[in-house]
Amino acid sequence: MKKITTQIENFQYFYPYTVAIVGAQSGNQTNYMACAWHTALSFDPPLFGVLVAKKRLTYQVISEAKEFTVNFISSERVKLSAQMGRKSGHDMDKIKEFQIKLSPSKIIQTPVIDEAYVSFECKVADVRAYGDHDLFVGEVLAIHEDEKSFNPEGVLNTGKIHPLLYLGSDFYITINPDTIKHVLPD
């Protein structure tokens, strides 16, 4: 028998979700945050969406910059994800505090995170409010990829990279590469 809940207080039944570190730079202000609520929205043009609460400093910086980067890190950097998600840029300079190494982007001003296995440079194409978060839709202008992280078809090389997945309530997991299956329909 399944339990049915209509008073939804802890909405995280859809996890696990890949962790992304989302950041932006506007003037002298640069901030990054861990983000589990994100998704690809279109192949052509390439669009990627991130959901950010208005109370976050990253929200303010993306709104001013009209651009952002999306950086995916491996499970070995789980502590960085926790730090970027639970510490506020309102209270500290997270880049200095957690010694994050950044590299210049190719097209936009916001830097990418060096140790990310893949990063997207995004220009804000649209912003929509959805409940307590806003969806920033970014047109992906450039992709920075660690060449050994993906096969020629663009599939993550799980022999080299163990993606960081968020389970909710500060729990994380990664995949077991032995369970990967390439399945085609009949």
C-alpha atoms as a PDB file:
ATOM      1  CA  MET A   1       0.000   0.000   0.000  1.00  0.00           C
ATOM      2  CA  LYS A   2       1.291   3.441  -0.902  1.00  0.00           C
ATOM      3  CA  LYS A   3       1.126   6.424   1.410  1.00  0.00           C
ATOM      4  CA  ILE A   4      -0.620   9.427  -0.192  1.00  0.00           C
ATOM      5  CA  THR A   5       0.372  12.932   0.903  1.00  0.00           C
ATOM      6  CA  THR A   6      -1.575  16.071   0.079  1.00  0.00           C
ATOM      7  CA  GLN A   7       0.203  18.370   2.561  1.00  0.00           C
ATOM      8  CA  ILE A   8       3.531  18.550   0.720  1.00  0.00           C
ATOM      9  CA  GLU A   9       6.281  19.978   2.900  1.00  0.00           C
ATOM     10  CA  ASN A  10       9.430  18.188   1.787  1.00  0.00           C
ATOM     11  CA  PHE A  11       9.337  18.244  -2.016  1.00  0.00           C
ATOM     12  CA  GLN A  12      12.367  16.193  -3.066  1.00  0.00           C
ATOM     13  CA  TYR A  13      10.991  12.890  -4.315  1.00  0.00           C
ATOM     14  CA  PHE A  14      12.374  13.495  -7.833  1.00  0.00           C
ATOM     15  CA  TYR A  15      16.049  13.224  -6.811  1.00  0.00           C
ATOM     16  CA  PRO A  16      18.788  12.177  -7.601  1.00  0.00           C
ATOM     17  CA  TYR A  17      19.771  15.053  -9.831  1.00  0.00           C
ATOM     18  CA  THR A  18      23.186  16.058 -11.196  1.00  0.00           C
ATOM     19  CA  VAL A  19      24.740  18.899  -9.221  1.00  0.00           C
ATOM     20  CA  ALA A  20      25.774  21.984 -11.163  1.00  0.00           C
ATOM     21  CA  ILE A  21      27.680  24.948  -9.815  1.00  0.00           C
ATOM     22  CA  VAL A  22      25.994  28.008 -11.312  1.00  0.00           C
ATOM     23  CA  GLY A  23      27.688  31.376 -11.242  1.00  0.00           C
ATOM     24  CA  ALA A  24      27.733  34.868 -12.606  1.00  0.00           C
ATOM     25  CA  GLN A  25      29.884  37.974 -12.566  1.00  0.00           C
ATOM     26  CA  SER A  26      28.664  41.556 -12.686  1.00  0.00           C
ATOM     27  CA  GLY A  27      31.158  44.363 -12.149  1.00  0.00           C
ATOM     28  CA  ASN A  28      33.278  43.421  -9.120  1.00  0.00           C
ATOM     29  CA  GLN A  29      30.734  40.870  -7.849  1.00  0.00           C
ATOM     30  CA  THR A  30      31.222  37.183  -8.675  1.00  0.00           C
ATOM     31  CA  ASN A  31      29.272  34.391  -6.996  1.00  0.00           C
ATOM     32  CA  TYR A  32      28.606  30.692  -7.491  1.00  0.00           C
ATOM     33  CA  MET A  33      26.052  28.370  -5.909  1.00  0.00           C
ATOM     34  CA  ALA A  34      25.278  24.661  -6.014  1.00  0.00           C
ATOM     35  CA  CYS A  35      22.158  24.013  -8.068  1.00  0.00           C
ATOM     36  CA  ALA A  36      20.279  20.735  -8.423  1.00  0.00           C
ATOM     37  CA  TRP A  37      17.286  22.269 -10.199  1.00  0.00           C
ATOM     38  CA  HIS A  38      18.413  22.645 -13.805  1.00  0.00           C
ATOM     39  CA  THR A  39      17.605  21.167 -17.206  1.00  0.00           C
ATOM     40  CA  ALA A  40      18.284  21.263 -20.931  1.00  0.00           C
ATOM     41  CA  LEU A  41      15.387  22.961 -22.722  1.00  0.00           C
ATOM     42  CA  SER A  42      16.236  22.923 -26.447  1.00  0.00           C
ATOM     43  CA  PHE A  43      18.760  21.509 -28.925  1.00  0.00           C
ATOM     44  CA  ASP A  44      18.331  24.277 -31.522  1.00  0.00           C
ATOM     45  CA  PRO A  45      19.070  26.815 -30.279  1.00  0.00           C
ATOM     46  CA  PRO A  46      20.836  25.165 -27.339  1.00  0.00           C
ATOM     47  CA  LEU A  47      18.992  26.380 -24.234  1.00  0.00           C
ATOM     48  CA  PHE A  48      19.665  25.435 -20.619  1.00  0.00           C
ATOM     49  CA  GLY A  49      17.580  26.434 -17.610  1.00  0.00           C
ATOM     50  CA  VAL A  50      18.539  26.943 -13.974  1.00  0.00           C
ATOM     51  CA  LEU A  51      16.134  27.639 -11.130  1.00  0.00           C
ATOM     52  CA  VAL A  52      17.348  30.090  -8.493  1.00  0.00           C
ATOM     53  CA  ALA A  53      15.549  31.499  -5.435  1.00  0.00           C
ATOM     54  CA  LYS A  54      15.309  35.307  -5.331  1.00  0.00           C
ATOM     55  CA  LYS A  55      16.982  35.405  -1.901  1.00  0.00           C
ATOM     56  CA  ARG A  56      20.238  34.006  -3.330  1.00  0.00           C
ATOM     57  CA  LEU A  57      23.108  36.344  -4.159  1.00  0.00           C
ATOM     58  CA  THR A  58      23.583  34.404  -7.401  1.00  0.00           C
ATOM     59  CA  TYR A  59      20.046  35.458  -8.399  1.00  0.00           C
ATOM     60  CA  GLN A  60      21.006  39.120  -8.015  1.00  0.00           C
ATOM     61  CA  VAL A  61      24.278  38.714  -9.925  1.00  0.00           C
ATOM     62  CA  ILE A  62      22.715  36.763 -12.823  1.00  0.00           C
ATOM     63  CA  SER A  63      19.947  39.376 -13.030  1.00  0.00           C
ATOM     64  CA  GLU A  64      22.510  42.163 -13.333  1.00  0.00           C
ATOM     65  CA  ALA A  65      24.954  40.317 -15.611  1.00  0.00           C
ATOM     66  CA  LYS A  66      22.339  38.794 -17.948  1.00  0.00           C
ATOM     67  CA  GLU A  67      24.635  35.782 -18.221  1.00  0.00           C
ATOM     68  CA  PHE A  68      25.814  32.785 -16.202  1.00  0.00           C
ATOM     69  CA  THR A  69      27.971  29.683 -16.329  1.00  0.00           C
ATOM     70  CA  VAL A  70      26.887  26.140 -15.473  1.00  0.00           C
ATOM     71  CA  ASN A  71      29.738  23.959 -14.188  1.00  0.00           C
ATOM     72  CA  PHE A  72      29.489  20.205 -13.581  1.00  0.00           C
ATOM     73  CA  ILE A  73      31.891  18.673 -11.054  1.00  0.00           C
ATOM     74  CA  SER A  74      32.778  15.089 -10.228  1.00  0.00           C
ATOM     75  CA  SER A  75      31.777  13.270  -7.060  1.00  0.00           C
ATOM     76  CA  GLU A  76      35.315  13.688  -5.727  1.00  0.00           C
ATOM     77  CA  ARG A  77      34.422  17.363  -5.156  1.00  0.00           C
ATOM     78  CA  VAL A  78      31.311  16.699  -3.073  1.00  0.00           C
ATOM     79  CA  LYS A  79      32.579  18.984  -0.280  1.00  0.00           C
ATOM     80  CA  LEU A  80      32.753  21.895  -2.721  1.00  0.00           C
ATOM     81  CA  SER A  81      29.128  21.311  -3.667  1.00  0.00           C
ATOM     82  CA  ALA A  82      28.078  21.323  -0.014  1.00  0.00           C
ATOM     83  CA  GLN A  83      30.060  24.508   0.615  1.00  0.00           C
ATOM     84  CA  MET A  84      28.649  26.259  -2.447  1.00  0.00           C
ATOM     85  CA  GLY A  85      25.119  25.195  -1.551  1.00  0.00           C
ATOM     86  CA  ARG A  86      25.044  25.859   2.179  1.00  0.00           C
ATOM     87  CA  LYS A  87      27.271  28.924   2.506  1.00  0.00           C
ATOM     88  CA  SER A  88      25.984  32.281   1.313  1.00  0.00           C
ATOM     89  CA  GLY A  89      27.797  34.745  -0.881  1.00  0.00           C
ATOM     90  CA  HIS A  90      26.021  37.427   1.182  1.00  0.00           C
ATOM     91  CA  ASP A  91      28.294  36.409   4.106  1.00  0.00           C
ATOM     92  CA  MET A  92      31.602  35.590   2.404  1.00  0.00           C
ATOM     93  CA  ASP A  93      33.571  35.551  -0.820  1.00  0.00           C
ATOM     94  CA  LYS A  94      33.136  31.859  -1.624  1.00  0.00           C
ATOM     95  CA  ILE A  95      35.750  31.940  -4.385  1.00  0.00           C
ATOM     96  CA  LYS A  96      38.470  33.047  -1.960  1.00  0.00           C
ATOM     97  CA  GLU A  97      37.160  31.096   1.039  1.00  0.00           C
ATOM     98  CA  PHE A  98      37.043  27.767  -0.824  1.00  0.00           C
ATOM     99  CA  GLN A  99      40.018  28.516  -3.135  1.00  0.00           C
ATOM    100  CA  ILE A 100      38.087  27.989  -6.359  1.00  0.00           C
ATOM    101  CA  LYS A 101      40.235  28.250  -9.468  1.00  0.00           C
ATOM    102  CA  LEU A 102      38.531  30.037 -12.342  1.00  0.00           C
ATOM    103  CA  SER A 103      39.304  30.371 -16.054  1.00  0.00           C
ATOM    104  CA  PRO A 104      38.099  33.067 -18.434  1.00  0.00           C
ATOM    105  CA  SER A 105      35.111  32.267 -20.589  1.00  0.00           C
ATOM    106  CA  LYS A 106      35.435  32.451 -24.370  1.00  0.00           C
ATOM    107  CA  ILE A 107      32.389  34.684 -25.035  1.00  0.00           C
ATOM    108  CA  ILE A 108      30.854  35.991 -21.796  1.00  0.00           C
ATOM    109  CA  GLN A 109      32.464  37.776 -18.835  1.00  0.00           C
ATOM    110  CA  THR A 110      31.599  35.188 -16.151  1.00  0.00           C
ATOM    111  CA  PRO A 111      34.467  32.724 -15.588  1.00  0.00           C
ATOM    112  CA  VAL A 112      34.110  28.939 -15.618  1.00  0.00           C
ATOM    113  CA  ILE A 113      35.329  26.671 -12.808  1.00  0.00           C
ATOM    114  CA  ASP A 114      38.653  25.031 -13.758  1.00  0.00           C
ATOM    115  CA  GLU A 115      37.951  21.634 -12.239  1.00  0.00           C
ATOM    116  CA  ALA A 116      34.537  21.197 -13.854  1.00  0.00           C
ATOM    117  CA  TYR A 117      34.502  18.347 -16.362  1.00  0.00           C
ATOM    118  CA  VAL A 118      32.142  20.426 -18.492  1.00  0.00           C
ATOM    119  CA  SER A 119      30.961  24.041 -18.301  1.00  0.00           C
ATOM    120  CA  PHE A 120      28.406  26.035 -20.283  1.00  0.00           C
ATOM    121  CA  GLU A 121      28.612  29.748 -21.057  1.00  0.00           C
ATOM    122  CA  CYS A 122      25.053  31.071 -21.144  1.00  0.00           C
ATOM    123  CA  LYS A 123      23.469  34.377 -22.115  1.00  0.00           C
ATOM    124  CA  VAL A 124      20.098  34.955 -20.414  1.00  0.00           C
ATOM    125  CA  ALA A 125      17.343  34.526 -23.021  1.00  0.00           C
ATOM    126  CA  ASP A 126      14.350  34.578 -20.648  1.00  0.00           C
ATOM    127  CA  VAL A 127      13.409  34.692 -16.968  1.00  0.00           C
ATOM    128  CA  ARG A 128      10.138  33.367 -15.564  1.00  0.00           C
ATOM    129  CA  ALA A 129       8.853  33.132 -12.008  1.00  0.00           C
ATOM    130  CA  TYR A 130       7.664  29.721 -10.803  1.00  0.00           C
ATOM    131  CA  GLY A 131       6.627  29.691  -7.157  1.00  0.00           C
ATOM    132  CA  ASP A 132       9.566  30.456  -4.894  1.00  0.00           C
ATOM    133  CA  HIS A 133      12.174  30.164  -7.704  1.00  0.00           C
ATOM    134  CA  ASP A 134      12.786  31.913 -11.016  1.00  0.00           C
ATOM    135  CA  LEU A 135      13.796  29.988 -14.112  1.00  0.00           C
ATOM    136  CA  PHE A 136      16.719  31.609 -15.909  1.00  0.00           C
ATOM    137  CA  VAL A 137      16.817  30.310 -19.478  1.00  0.00           C
ATOM    138  CA  GLY A 138      20.274  30.617 -20.957  1.00  0.00           C
ATOM    139  CA  GLU A 139      21.290  30.298 -24.567  1.00  0.00           C
ATOM    140  CA  VAL A 140      24.428  28.162 -24.498  1.00  0.00           C
ATOM    141  CA  LEU A 141      27.077  30.117 -26.404  1.00  0.00           C
ATOM    142  CA  ALA A 142      30.112  27.936 -25.629  1.00  0.00           C
ATOM    143  CA  ILE A 143      30.911  24.608 -23.976  1.00  0.00           C
ATOM    144  CA  HIS A 144      34.190  23.917 -22.163  1.00  0.00           C
ATOM    145  CA  GLU A 145      34.723  20.162 -21.961  1.00  0.00           C
ATOM    146  CA  ASP A 146      37.512  18.053 -20.557  1.00  0.00           C
ATOM    147  CA  GLU A 147      38.379  16.037 -23.667  1.00  0.00           C
ATOM    148  CA  LYS A 148      38.675  12.766 -21.749  1.00  0.00           C
ATOM    149  CA  SER A 149      35.298  13.193 -20.058  1.00  0.00           C
ATOM    150  CA  PHE A 150      33.091  12.314 -23.038  1.00  0.00           C
ATOM    151  CA  ASN A 151      33.144   9.771 -25.851  1.00  0.00           C
ATOM    152  CA  PRO A 152      32.860  10.878 -29.523  1.00  0.00           C
ATOM    153  CA  GLU A 153      29.034  10.707 -29.280  1.00  0.00           C
ATOM    154  CA  GLY A 154      29.072  13.124 -26.333  1.00  0.00           C
ATOM    155  CA  VAL A 155      28.250  10.464 -23.721  1.00  0.00           C
ATOM    156  CA  LEU A 156      29.936  10.878 -20.339  1.00  0.00           C
ATOM    157  CA  ASN A 157      32.961   8.591 -19.923  1.00  0.00           C
ATOM    158  CA  THR A 158      32.024   6.983 -16.611  1.00  0.00           C
ATOM    159  CA  GLY A 159      35.384   5.226 -16.484  1.00  0.00           C
ATOM    160  CA  LYS A 160      36.987   8.645 -15.976  1.00  0.00           C
ATOM    161  CA  ILE A 161      34.219  10.792 -14.471  1.00  0.00           C
ATOM    162  CA  HIS A 162      31.854   9.958 -11.636  1.00  0.00           C
ATOM    163  CA  PRO A 163      29.184  12.669 -11.784  1.00  0.00           C
ATOM    164  CA  LEU A 164      27.963  14.159  -8.517  1.00  0.00           C
ATOM    165  CA  LEU A 165      24.273  13.523  -7.854  1.00  0.00           C
ATOM    166  CA  TYR A 166      22.206  15.191  -5.145  1.00  0.00           C
ATOM    167  CA  LEU A 167      19.662  13.114  -3.203  1.00  0.00           C
ATOM    168  CA  GLY A 168      18.193  15.972  -1.149  1.00  0.00           C
ATOM    169  CA  SER A 169      18.667  16.868   2.529  1.00  0.00           C
ATOM    170  CA  ASP A 170      22.468  17.192   2.095  1.00  0.00           C
ATOM    171  CA  PHE A 171      22.943  13.607   0.810  1.00  0.00           C
ATOM    172  CA  TYR A 172      24.976  12.858  -2.311  1.00  0.00           C
ATOM    173  CA  ILE A 173      25.658   9.818  -4.483  1.00  0.00           C
ATOM    174  CA  THR A 174      27.354   8.911  -7.747  1.00  0.00           C
ATOM    175  CA  ILE A 175      26.858   6.178 -10.343  1.00  0.00           C
ATOM    176  CA  ASN A 176      28.346   2.726 -10.555  1.00  0.00           C
ATOM    177  CA  PRO A 177      29.876   2.507 -14.059  1.00  0.00           C
ATOM    178  CA  ASP A 178      29.372  -1.268 -14.019  1.00  0.00           C
ATOM    179  CA  THR A 179      25.617  -0.690 -14.262  1.00  0.00           C
ATOM    180  CA  ILE A 180      25.771   1.383 -17.476  1.00  0.00           C
ATOM    181  CA  LYS A 181      23.803  -0.208 -20.306  1.00  0.00           C
ATOM    182  CA  HIS A 182      23.409   0.961 -23.907  1.00  0.00           C
ATOM    183  CA  VAL A 183      19.858  -0.113 -24.756  1.00  0.00           C
ATOM    184  CA  LEU A 184      18.195   0.366 -28.132  1.00  0.00           C
ATOM    185  CA  PRO A 185      14.492  -0.224 -28.806  1.00  0.00           C
ATOM    186  CA  ASP A 186      13.486  -3.287 -30.841  1.00  0.00           C
END
